[in-house]
């Protein structure tokens, strides 16, 4: 299941409608801004998506999904340092879709591997091991 599928599933189930996240972000609700950013990304408008996800990340500091999406965009641009930064931020935030939290941790491990930060990659892989043992083992082979 890809990131877009996880978002759609979470939205349909109501998982994105969480207490405190209906507040306004630049005149729109978190959900509206996130959904607009997501639509921009689906249509290939990365710059617009980044700006909107940044607005959510700045406006709702406890929310991690927008930070994950920024990490996802930067990863797709091969900007692994920036992607790692946003994945780290997303994992520190208390409110986040559990599927995206797992994907952030996975993406962070991959970023660390790409950046040659082996000890940090190893730590992420160890956190992944109980959740996805086979995948963690495959990642560990790259160390």
Foldseek 3Di string as FASTA:
>chain_A
DDPVVLVVVCVVVVVVVDPPQQDDQPNHGLVVLQVVLVVCVVVPNPVSSLVSLVSSCVVRVLAQASLLVQLVSCVVVVVLVSSLVSLVSSCPHDRYDPVSVLVSLVSNLVSCLVVVVVVVNLVSLVVCCVVDVVVSVVSVVSD
